[in-house]
């Protein structure tokens, strides 16, 4: 993989699982930047046992600052920013993304 998926989020437990599942790969590096959630977002994400790194902010940094923080931690050629409510409908969205870029 040449792409890391970066997902800034806050209180996204109802949508983030579907977002991550729609990536359809256990090997894609994913960075979740949590903006101080007080729901079960982190618990759900960490229970997935995927290639996920969680960056916990103790306060809401805002989407842009959280996105920049996640991108700085990515160790791949590309970073793909997603909102936690994105749900892909194609089988291999990251492969498609890498072919297009």
PDB file of N, CA and C in Angstrom:
ATOM      1  N   UNK A   1       0.822  -1.185   0.000  1.00  0.00           N
ATOM      2  CA  UNK A   1       0.000   0.000   0.000  1.00  0.00           C
ATOM      3  C   UNK A   1       0.869   1.253   0.000  1.00  0.00           C
ATOM      4  N   UNK A   2       0.481   2.196  -0.816  1.00  0.00           N
ATOM      5  CA  UNK A   2       1.171   3.483  -0.869  1.00  0.00           C
ATOM      6  C   UNK A   2       0.355   4.577  -0.206  1.00  0.00           C
ATOM      7  N   UNK A   3      -0.785   4.217   0.364  1.00  0.00           N
ATOM      8  CA  UNK A   3      -1.721   5.200   0.901  1.00  0.00           C
ATOM      9  C   UNK A   3      -2.059   4.896   2.348  1.00  0.00           C
ATOM     10  N   UNK A   4      -2.074   5.948   3.149  1.00  0.00           N
ATOM     11  CA  UNK A   4      -2.599   5.873   4.505  1.00  0.00           C
ATOM     12  C   UNK A   4      -3.916   6.635   4.520  1.00  0.00           C
ATOM     13  N   UNK A   5      -4.924   6.054   5.116  1.00  0.00           N
ATOM     14  CA  UNK A   5      -6.207   6.726   5.278  1.00  0.00           C
ATOM     15  C   UNK A   5      -6.177   7.461   6.609  1.00  0.00           C
ATOM     16  N   UNK A   6      -6.517   8.736   6.577  1.00  0.00           N
ATOM     17  CA  UNK A   6      -6.558   9.570   7.779  1.00  0.00           C
ATOM     18  C   UNK A   6      -8.005   9.988   8.011  1.00  0.00           C
ATOM     19  N   UNK A   7      -8.506   9.679   9.208  1.00  0.00           N
ATOM     20  CA  UNK A   7      -9.902   9.992   9.534  1.00  0.00           C
ATOM     21  C   UNK A   7      -9.956  10.813  10.819  1.00  0.00           C
ATOM     22  N   UNK A   8     -10.090  12.137  10.705  1.00  0.00           N
ATOM     23  CA  UNK A   8     -10.339  12.938  11.901  1.00  0.00           C
ATOM     24  C   UNK A   8     -11.790  12.700  12.343  1.00  0.00           C
ATOM     25  N   UNK A   9     -12.007  12.570  13.637  1.00  0.00           N
ATOM     26  CA  UNK A   9     -13.381  12.301  14.075  1.00  0.00           C
ATOM     27  C   UNK A   9     -13.624  12.805  15.482  1.00  0.00           C
ATOM     28  N   UNK A  10     -14.896  12.931  15.797  1.00  0.00           N
ATOM     29  CA  UNK A  10     -15.347  13.209  17.156  1.00  0.00           C
ATOM     30  C   UNK A  10     -16.740  12.591  17.298  1.00  0.00           C
ATOM     31  N   UNK A  11     -16.922  11.804  18.337  1.00  0.00           N
ATOM     32  CA  UNK A  11     -18.219  11.170  18.615  1.00  0.00           C
ATOM     33  C   UNK A  11     -18.832  10.537  17.360  1.00  0.00           C
ATOM     34  N   UNK A  12     -18.080   9.636  16.754  1.00  0.00           N
ATOM     35  CA  UNK A  12     -18.474   9.044  15.471  1.00  0.00           C
ATOM     36  C   UNK A  12     -18.788   7.558  15.556  1.00  0.00           C
ATOM     37  N   UNK A  13     -19.130   7.073  16.737  1.00  0.00           N
ATOM     38  CA  UNK A  13     -19.317   5.638  16.917  1.00  0.00           C
ATOM     39  C   UNK A  13     -20.392   5.052  16.011  1.00  0.00           C
ATOM     40  N   UNK A  14     -21.381   5.848  15.599  1.00  0.00           N
ATOM     41  CA  UNK A  14     -22.464   5.324  14.774  1.00  0.00           C
ATOM     42  C   UNK A  14     -22.092   5.151  13.305  1.00  0.00           C
ATOM     43  N   UNK A  15     -20.980   5.781  12.869  1.00  0.00           N
ATOM     44  CA  UNK A  15     -20.655   5.748  11.446  1.00  0.00           C
ATOM     45  C   UNK A  15     -19.251   5.234  11.110  1.00  0.00           C
ATOM     46  N   UNK A  16     -18.328   5.330  12.039  1.00  0.00           N
ATOM     47  CA  UNK A  16     -16.924   5.056  11.699  1.00  0.00           C
ATOM     48  C   UNK A  16     -16.668   3.591  11.356  1.00  0.00           C
ATOM     49  N   UNK A  17     -17.389   2.671  11.968  1.00  0.00           N
ATOM     50  CA  UNK A  17     -17.209   1.253  11.655  1.00  0.00           C
ATOM     51  C   UNK A  17     -17.531   0.991  10.187  1.00  0.00           C
ATOM     52  N   UNK A  18     -18.645   1.541   9.696  1.00  0.00           N
ATOM     53  CA  UNK A  18     -19.010   1.344   8.292  1.00  0.00           C
ATOM     54  C   UNK A  18     -17.978   1.965   7.355  1.00  0.00           C
ATOM     55  N   UNK A  19     -17.430   3.098   7.750  1.00  0.00           N
ATOM     56  CA  UNK A  19     -16.393   3.743   6.942  1.00  0.00           C
ATOM     57  C   UNK A  19     -15.180   2.835   6.809  1.00  0.00           C
ATOM     58  N   UNK A  20     -14.683   2.363   7.932  1.00  0.00           N
ATOM     59  CA  UNK A  20     -13.486   1.515   7.925  1.00  0.00           C
ATOM     60  C   UNK A  20     -13.761   0.195   7.213  1.00  0.00           C
ATOM     61  N   UNK A  21     -14.900  -0.391   7.468  1.00  0.00           N
ATOM     62  CA  UNK A  21     -15.251  -1.657   6.818  1.00  0.00           C
ATOM     63  C   UNK A  21     -15.332  -1.499   5.302  1.00  0.00           C
ATOM     64  N   UNK A  22     -15.809  -0.352   4.827  1.00  0.00           N
ATOM     65  CA  UNK A  22     -15.954  -0.145   3.385  1.00  0.00           C
ATOM     66  C   UNK A  22     -14.619  -0.012   2.663  1.00  0.00           C
ATOM     67  N   UNK A  23     -13.517   0.182   3.424  1.00  0.00           N
ATOM     68  CA  UNK A  23     -12.195   0.209   2.806  1.00  0.00           C
ATOM     69  C   UNK A  23     -11.802  -1.171   2.301  1.00  0.00           C
ATOM     70  N   UNK A  24     -12.416  -2.202   2.875  1.00  0.00           N
ATOM     71  CA  UNK A  24     -12.314  -3.574   2.382  1.00  0.00           C
ATOM     72  C   UNK A  24     -10.882  -4.121   2.362  1.00  0.00           C
ATOM     73  N   UNK A  25     -10.099  -3.802   3.386  1.00  0.00           N
ATOM     74  CA  UNK A  25      -8.743  -4.332   3.458  1.00  0.00           C
ATOM     75  C   UNK A  25      -8.239  -4.290   4.887  1.00  0.00           C
ATOM     76  N   UNK A  26      -7.550  -5.347   5.270  1.00  0.00           N
ATOM     77  CA  UNK A  26      -6.954  -5.394   6.602  1.00  0.00           C
ATOM     78  C   UNK A  26      -5.550  -4.796   6.604  1.00  0.00           C
ATOM     79  N   UNK A  27      -5.017  -4.526   5.416  1.00  0.00           N
ATOM     80  CA  UNK A  27      -3.631  -4.063   5.314  1.00  0.00           C
ATOM     81  C   UNK A  27      -3.489  -2.557   5.172  1.00  0.00           C
ATOM     82  N   UNK A  28      -4.542  -1.858   4.859  1.00  0.00           N
ATOM     83  CA  UNK A  28      -4.463  -0.413   4.678  1.00  0.00           C
ATOM     84  C   UNK A  28      -4.126   0.245   6.012  1.00  0.00           C
ATOM     85  N   UNK A  29      -3.064   1.056   6.045  1.00  0.00           N
ATOM     86  CA  UNK A  29      -2.798   1.796   7.282  1.00  0.00           C
ATOM     87  C   UNK A  29      -3.851   2.893   7.458  1.00  0.00           C
ATOM     88  N   UNK A  30      -4.413   2.937   8.634  1.00  0.00           N
ATOM     89  CA  UNK A  30      -5.456   3.917   8.960  1.00  0.00           C
ATOM     90  C   UNK A  30      -5.018   4.677  10.197  1.00  0.00           C
ATOM     91  N   UNK A  31      -5.110   5.992  10.123  1.00  0.00           N
ATOM     92  CA  UNK A  31      -4.842   6.828  11.290  1.00  0.00           C
ATOM     93  C   UNK A  31      -6.137   7.518  11.666  1.00  0.00           C
ATOM     94  N   UNK A  32      -6.589   7.250  12.882  1.00  0.00           N
ATOM     95  CA  UNK A  32      -7.779   7.902  13.419  1.00  0.00           C
ATOM     96  C   UNK A  32      -7.285   9.009  14.348  1.00  0.00           C
ATOM     97  N   UNK A  33      -7.688  10.237  14.093  1.00  0.00           N
ATOM     98  CA  UNK A  33      -7.360  11.342  14.990  1.00  0.00           C
ATOM     99  C   UNK A  33      -8.652  11.694  15.712  1.00  0.00           C
ATOM    100  N   UNK A  34      -8.704  11.336  16.977  1.00  0.00           N
ATOM    101  CA  UNK A  34      -9.916  11.547  17.772  1.00  0.00           C
ATOM    102  C   UNK A  34      -9.856  12.903  18.462  1.00  0.00           C
ATOM    103  N   UNK A  35     -10.833  13.726  18.173  1.00  0.00           N
ATOM    104  CA  UNK A  35     -10.926  15.083  18.705  1.00  0.00           C
ATOM    105  C   UNK A  35     -11.665  15.140  20.037  1.00  0.00           C
ATOM    106  N   UNK A  36     -11.335  14.240  20.956  1.00  0.00           N
ATOM    107  CA  UNK A  36     -11.926  14.295  22.289  1.00  0.00           C
ATOM    108  C   UNK A  36     -13.306  13.678  22.389  1.00  0.00           C
ATOM    109  N   UNK A  37     -13.527  12.583  21.691  1.00  0.00           N
ATOM    110  CA  UNK A  37     -14.836  11.908  21.754  1.00  0.00           C
ATOM    111  C   UNK A  37     -15.167  11.507  23.182  1.00  0.00           C
ATOM    112  N   UNK A  38     -16.460  11.574  23.492  1.00  0.00           N
ATOM    113  CA  UNK A  38     -16.918  11.080  24.792  1.00  0.00           C
ATOM    114  C   UNK A  38     -17.941   9.960  24.617  1.00  0.00           C
ATOM    115  N   UNK A  39     -17.923   9.332  23.440  1.00  0.00           N
ATOM    116  CA  UNK A  39     -18.770   8.168  23.193  1.00  0.00           C
ATOM    117  C   UNK A  39     -17.860   6.934  23.072  1.00  0.00           C
ATOM    118  N   UNK A  40     -18.302   5.930  22.375  1.00  0.00           N
ATOM    119  CA  UNK A  40     -17.555   4.676  22.259  1.00  0.00           C
ATOM    120  C   UNK A  40     -16.737   4.583  20.962  1.00  0.00           C
ATOM    121  N   UNK A  41     -16.462   5.709  20.329  1.00  0.00           N
ATOM    122  CA  UNK A  41     -15.725   5.702  19.066  1.00  0.00           C
ATOM    123  C   UNK A  41     -14.409   4.943  19.181  1.00  0.00           C
ATOM    124  N   UNK A  42     -13.583   5.311  20.130  1.00  0.00           N
ATOM    125  CA  UNK A  42     -12.261   4.679  20.242  1.00  0.00           C
ATOM    126  C   UNK A  42     -12.357   3.204  20.579  1.00  0.00           C
ATOM    127  N   UNK A  43     -13.274   2.848  21.450  1.00  0.00           N
ATOM    128  CA  UNK A  43     -13.434   1.439  21.809  1.00  0.00           C
ATOM    129  C   UNK A  43     -13.799   0.615  20.583  1.00  0.00           C
ATOM    130  N   UNK A  44     -14.723   1.116  19.774  1.00  0.00           N
ATOM    131  CA  UNK A  44     -15.125   0.390  18.564  1.00  0.00           C
ATOM    132  C   UNK A  44     -13.976   0.274  17.575  1.00  0.00           C
ATOM    133  N   UNK A  45     -13.227   1.332  17.413  1.00  0.00           N
ATOM    134  CA  UNK A  45     -12.104   1.335  16.467  1.00  0.00           C
ATOM    135  C   UNK A  45     -11.021   0.367  16.918  1.00  0.00           C
ATOM    136  N   UNK A  46     -10.665   0.418  18.179  1.00  0.00           N
ATOM    137  CA  UNK A  46      -9.584  -0.438  18.673  1.00  0.00           C
ATOM    138  C   UNK A  46      -9.965  -1.912  18.698  1.00  0.00           C
ATOM    139  N   UNK A  47     -11.243  -2.219  18.786  1.00  0.00           N
ATOM    140  CA  UNK A  47     -11.699  -3.608  18.765  1.00  0.00           C
ATOM    141  C   UNK A  47     -11.640  -4.230  17.374  1.00  0.00           C
ATOM    142  N   UNK A  48     -11.414  -3.437  16.346  1.00  0.00           N
ATOM    143  CA  UNK A  48     -11.404  -3.957  14.974  1.00  0.00           C
ATOM    144  C   UNK A  48     -10.166  -4.785  14.664  1.00  0.00           C
ATOM    145  N   UNK A  49      -9.086  -4.617  15.401  1.00  0.00           N
ATOM    146  CA  UNK A  49      -7.852  -5.392  15.202  1.00  0.00           C
ATOM    147  C   UNK A  49      -7.324  -5.276  13.771  1.00  0.00           C
ATOM    148  N   UNK A  50      -7.334  -4.062  13.261  1.00  0.00           N
ATOM    149  CA  UNK A  50      -6.810  -3.790  11.930  1.00  0.00           C
ATOM    150  C   UNK A  50      -5.536  -2.963  12.055  1.00  0.00           C
ATOM    151  N   UNK A  51      -5.008  -2.529  10.947  1.00  0.00           N
ATOM    152  CA  UNK A  51      -3.794  -1.715  10.912  1.00  0.00           C
ATOM    153  C   UNK A  51      -4.164  -0.256  11.219  1.00  0.00           C
ATOM    154  N   UNK A  52      -4.590  -0.012  12.462  1.00  0.00           N
ATOM    155  CA  UNK A  52      -5.100   1.296  12.865  1.00  0.00           C
ATOM    156  C   UNK A  52      -4.199   1.901  13.933  1.00  0.00           C
ATOM    157  N   UNK A  53      -3.847   3.148  13.716  1.00  0.00           N
ATOM    158  CA  UNK A  53      -3.156   3.949  14.718  1.00  0.00           C
ATOM    159  C   UNK A  53      -4.131   5.005  15.201  1.00  0.00           C
ATOM    160  N   UNK A  54      -4.253   5.150  16.504  1.00  0.00           N
ATOM    161  CA  UNK A  54      -5.154   6.159  17.067  1.00  0.00           C
ATOM    162  C   UNK A  54      -4.322   7.264  17.694  1.00  0.00           C
ATOM    163  N   UNK A  55      -4.645   8.485  17.317  1.00  0.00           N
ATOM    164  CA  UNK A  55      -4.064   9.663  17.947  1.00  0.00           C
ATOM    165  C   UNK A  55      -5.193  10.314  18.738  1.00  0.00           C
ATOM    166  N   UNK A  56      -5.027  10.382  20.035  1.00  0.00           N
ATOM    167  CA  UNK A  56      -6.062  10.951  20.898  1.00  0.00           C
ATOM    168  C   UNK A  56      -5.721  12.386  21.269  1.00  0.00           C
ATOM    169  N   UNK A  57      -6.604  13.284  20.909  1.00  0.00           N
ATOM    170  CA  UNK A  57      -6.493  14.660  21.382  1.00  0.00           C
ATOM    171  C   UNK A  57      -7.434  14.768  22.581  1.00  0.00           C
ATOM    172  N   UNK A  58      -7.020  15.474  23.559  1.00  0.00           N
ATOM    173  CA  UNK A  58      -7.872  15.626  24.738  1.00  0.00           C
ATOM    174  C   UNK A  58      -8.884  16.740  24.582  1.00  0.00           C
ATOM    175  N   UNK A  59      -8.841  17.386  23.417  1.00  0.00           N
ATOM    176  CA  UNK A  59      -9.808  18.440  23.117  1.00  0.00           C
ATOM    177  C   UNK A  59     -10.069  18.435  21.626  1.00  0.00           C
ATOM    178  N   UNK A  60     -11.061  19.185  21.210  1.00  0.00           N
ATOM    179  CA  UNK A  60     -11.396  19.271  19.801  1.00  0.00           C
ATOM    180  C   UNK A  60     -10.419  20.217  19.116  1.00  0.00           C
ATOM    181  N   UNK A  61      -9.545  19.648  18.297  1.00  0.00           N
ATOM    182  CA  UNK A  61      -8.559  20.439  17.557  1.00  0.00           C
ATOM    183  C   UNK A  61      -9.158  21.101  16.329  1.00  0.00           C
ATOM    184  N   UNK A  62     -10.333  20.645  15.935  1.00  0.00           N
ATOM    185  CA  UNK A  62     -10.931  21.065  14.672  1.00  0.00           C
ATOM    186  C   UNK A  62     -10.515  20.081  13.589  1.00  0.00           C
ATOM    187  N   UNK A  63     -11.329  19.985  12.549  1.00  0.00           N
ATOM    188  CA  UNK A  63     -11.088  18.988  11.507  1.00  0.00           C
ATOM    189  C   UNK A  63      -9.750  19.232  10.810  1.00  0.00           C
ATOM    190  N   UNK A  64      -9.465  20.473  10.451  1.00  0.00           N
ATOM    191  CA  UNK A  64      -8.237  20.778   9.721  1.00  0.00           C
ATOM    192  C   UNK A  64      -6.975  20.463  10.507  1.00  0.00           C
ATOM    193  N   UNK A  65      -6.940  20.860  11.764  1.00  0.00           N
ATOM    194  CA  UNK A  65      -5.768  20.573  12.594  1.00  0.00           C
ATOM    195  C   UNK A  65      -5.616  19.078  12.829  1.00  0.00           C
ATOM    196  N   UNK A  66      -6.715  18.391  13.040  1.00  0.00           N
ATOM    197  CA  UNK A  66      -6.661  16.941  13.222  1.00  0.00           C
ATOM    198  C   UNK A  66      -6.184  16.259  11.939  1.00  0.00           C
ATOM    199  N   UNK A  67      -6.656  16.736  10.799  1.00  0.00           N
ATOM    200  CA  UNK A  67      -6.225  16.187   9.513  1.00  0.00           C
ATOM    201  C   UNK A  67      -4.724  16.383   9.324  1.00  0.00           C
ATOM    202  N   UNK A  68      -4.237  17.569   9.604  1.00  0.00           N
ATOM    203  CA  UNK A  68      -2.801  17.841   9.472  1.00  0.00           C
ATOM    204  C   UNK A  68      -1.974  16.964  10.402  1.00  0.00           C
ATOM    205  N   UNK A  69      -2.442  16.755  11.617  1.00  0.00           N
ATOM    206  CA  UNK A  69      -1.748  15.896  12.573  1.00  0.00           C
ATOM    207  C   UNK A  69      -1.664  14.464  12.045  1.00  0.00           C
ATOM    208  N   UNK A  70      -2.765  13.964  11.517  1.00  0.00           N
ATOM    209  CA  UNK A  70      -2.785  12.608  10.958  1.00  0.00           C
ATOM    210  C   UNK A  70      -1.869  12.468   9.754  1.00  0.00           C
ATOM    211  N   UNK A  71      -1.877  13.462   8.875  1.00  0.00           N
ATOM    212  CA  UNK A  71      -1.022  13.423   7.690  1.00  0.00           C
ATOM    213  C   UNK A  71       0.446  13.420   8.092  1.00  0.00           C
ATOM    214  N   UNK A  72       0.796  14.182   9.110  1.00  0.00           N
ATOM    215  CA  UNK A  72       2.188  14.224   9.575  1.00  0.00           C
ATOM    216  C   UNK A  72       2.662  12.851  10.052  1.00  0.00           C
ATOM    217  N   UNK A  73       1.756  12.044  10.551  1.00  0.00           N
ATOM    218  CA  UNK A  73       2.121  10.722  11.080  1.00  0.00           C
ATOM    219  C   UNK A  73       2.107   9.633  10.017  1.00  0.00           C
ATOM    220  N   UNK A  74       1.586   9.934   8.834  1.00  0.00           N
ATOM    221  CA  UNK A  74       1.519   8.939   7.758  1.00  0.00           C
ATOM    222  C   UNK A  74       2.916   8.648   7.230  1.00  0.00           C
ATOM    223  N   UNK A  75       3.211   7.375   7.001  1.00  0.00           N
ATOM    224  CA  UNK A  75       4.517   6.947   6.491  1.00  0.00           C
ATOM    225  C   UNK A  75       4.418   6.374   5.089  1.00  0.00           C
ATOM    226  N   UNK A  76       3.455   6.838   4.336  1.00  0.00           N
ATOM    227  CA  UNK A  76       3.270   6.341   2.974  1.00  0.00           C
ATOM    228  C   UNK A  76       3.379   7.510   1.996  1.00  0.00           C
ATOM    229  N   UNK A  77       3.418   7.174   0.730  1.00  0.00           N
ATOM    230  CA  UNK A  77       3.552   8.192  -0.319  1.00  0.00           C
ATOM    231  C   UNK A  77       2.343   9.121  -0.353  1.00  0.00           C
ATOM    232  N   UNK A  78       1.156   8.566  -0.113  1.00  0.00           N
ATOM    233  CA  UNK A  78      -0.088   9.338  -0.187  1.00  0.00           C
ATOM    234  C   UNK A  78      -0.860   9.242   1.114  1.00  0.00           C
ATOM    235  N   UNK A  79      -1.672  10.258   1.367  1.00  0.00           N
ATOM    236  CA  UNK A  79      -2.632  10.229   2.472  1.00  0.00           C
ATOM    237  C   UNK A  79      -3.992  10.576   1.894  1.00  0.00           C
ATOM    238  N   UNK A  80      -4.983   9.819   2.275  1.00  0.00           N
ATOM    239  CA  UNK A  80      -6.352  10.059   1.835  1.00  0.00           C
ATOM    240  C   UNK A  80      -7.165  10.471   3.049  1.00  0.00           C
ATOM    241  N   UNK A  81      -7.664  11.707   3.053  1.00  0.00           N
ATOM    242  CA  UNK A  81      -8.476  12.213   4.163  1.00  0.00           C
ATOM    243  C   UNK A  81      -9.922  11.804   3.966  1.00  0.00           C
ATOM    244  N   UNK A  82     -10.511  11.265   5.017  1.00  0.00           N
ATOM    245  CA  UNK A  82     -11.920  10.877   4.962  1.00  0.00           C
ATOM    246  C   UNK A  82     -12.665  11.423   6.167  1.00  0.00           C
ATOM    247  N   UNK A  83     -13.902  11.764   5.945  1.00  0.00           N
ATOM    248  CA  UNK A  83     -14.810  12.002   7.065  1.00  0.00           C
ATOM    249  C   UNK A  83     -15.267  10.635   7.557  1.00  0.00           C
ATOM    250  N   UNK A  84     -15.586  10.499   8.829  1.00  0.00           N
ATOM    251  CA  UNK A  84     -15.951   9.181   9.353  1.00  0.00           C
ATOM    252  C   UNK A  84     -17.288   8.645   8.830  1.00  0.00           C
ATOM    253  N   UNK A  85     -18.064   9.473   8.158  1.00  0.00           N
ATOM    254  CA  UNK A  85     -19.347   8.995   7.635  1.00  0.00           C
ATOM    255  C   UNK A  85     -19.287   8.594   6.164  1.00  0.00           C
ATOM    256  N   UNK A  86     -18.079   8.553   5.604  1.00  0.00           N
ATOM    257  CA  UNK A  86     -17.906   8.087   4.222  1.00  0.00           C
ATOM    258  C   UNK A  86     -18.069   6.572   4.200  1.00  0.00           C
ATOM    259  N   UNK A  87     -18.793   6.081   3.207  1.00  0.00           N
ATOM    260  CA  UNK A  87     -18.941   4.638   3.027  1.00  0.00           C
ATOM    261  C   UNK A  87     -18.776   4.338   1.539  1.00  0.00           C
ATOM    262  N   UNK A  88     -17.671   3.660   1.198  1.00  0.00           N
ATOM    263  CA  UNK A  88     -17.399   3.344  -0.196  1.00  0.00           C
ATOM    264  C   UNK A  88     -18.319   2.237  -0.678  1.00  0.00           C
ATOM    265  N   UNK A  89     -18.677   2.302  -1.962  1.00  0.00           N
ATOM    266  CA  UNK A  89     -19.536   1.274  -2.537  1.00  0.00           C
ATOM    267  C   UNK A  89     -18.782   0.406  -3.548  1.00  0.00           C
ATOM    268  N   UNK A  90     -17.512   0.721  -3.795  1.00  0.00           N
ATOM    269  CA  UNK A  90     -16.691  -0.103  -4.677  1.00  0.00           C
ATOM    270  C   UNK A  90     -15.930  -1.129  -3.843  1.00  0.00           C
ATOM    271  N   UNK A  91     -15.463  -2.183  -4.495  1.00  0.00           N
ATOM    272  CA  UNK A  91     -14.800  -3.267  -3.766  1.00  0.00           C
ATOM    273  C   UNK A  91     -13.429  -2.879  -3.210  1.00  0.00           C
ATOM    274  N   UNK A  92     -12.614  -2.219  -3.974  1.00  0.00           N
ATOM    275  CA  UNK A  92     -11.250  -1.888  -3.572  1.00  0.00           C
ATOM    276  C   UNK A  92     -10.989  -0.395  -3.748  1.00  0.00           C
ATOM    277  N   UNK A  93     -11.564   0.423  -2.912  1.00  0.00           N
ATOM    278  CA  UNK A  93     -11.471   1.869  -3.137  1.00  0.00           C
ATOM    279  C   UNK A  93     -10.046   2.413  -3.083  1.00  0.00           C
ATOM    280  N   UNK A  94      -9.192   1.870  -2.241  1.00  0.00           N
ATOM    281  CA  UNK A  94      -7.833   2.393  -2.151  1.00  0.00           C
ATOM    282  C   UNK A  94      -7.025   1.993  -3.384  1.00  0.00           C
ATOM    283  N   UNK A  95      -7.213   0.783  -3.873  1.00  0.00           N
ATOM    284  CA  UNK A  95      -6.554   0.386  -5.127  1.00  0.00           C
ATOM    285  C   UNK A  95      -7.001   1.296  -6.269  1.00  0.00           C
ATOM    286  N   UNK A  96      -8.280   1.594  -6.326  1.00  0.00           N
ATOM    287  CA  UNK A  96      -8.804   2.489  -7.364  1.00  0.00           C
ATOM    288  C   UNK A  96      -8.204   3.885  -7.218  1.00  0.00           C
ATOM    289  N   UNK A  97      -8.120   4.367  -5.985  1.00  0.00           N
ATOM    290  CA  UNK A  97      -7.530   5.670  -5.707  1.00  0.00           C
ATOM    291  C   UNK A  97      -6.076   5.713  -6.185  1.00  0.00           C
ATOM    292  N   UNK A  98      -5.310   4.683  -5.867  1.00  0.00           N
ATOM    293  CA  UNK A  98      -3.898   4.656  -6.241  1.00  0.00           C
ATOM    294  C   UNK A  98      -3.720   4.558  -7.763  1.00  0.00           C
ATOM    295  N   UNK A  99      -4.617   3.870  -8.435  1.00  0.00           N
ATOM    296  CA  UNK A  99      -4.544   3.811  -9.903  1.00  0.00           C
ATOM    297  C   UNK A  99      -4.812   5.180 -10.515  1.00  0.00           C
ATOM    298  N   UNK A 100      -5.739   5.926  -9.944  1.00  0.00           N
ATOM    299  CA  UNK A 100      -6.096   7.232 -10.490  1.00  0.00           C
ATOM    300  C   UNK A 100      -5.032   8.291 -10.238  1.00  0.00           C
ATOM    301  N   UNK A 101      -4.330   8.183  -9.131  1.00  0.00           N
ATOM    302  CA  UNK A 101      -3.336   9.211  -8.856  1.00  0.00           C
ATOM    303  C   UNK A 101      -2.007   8.839  -9.494  1.00  0.00           C
TER     304      UNK A 101
END
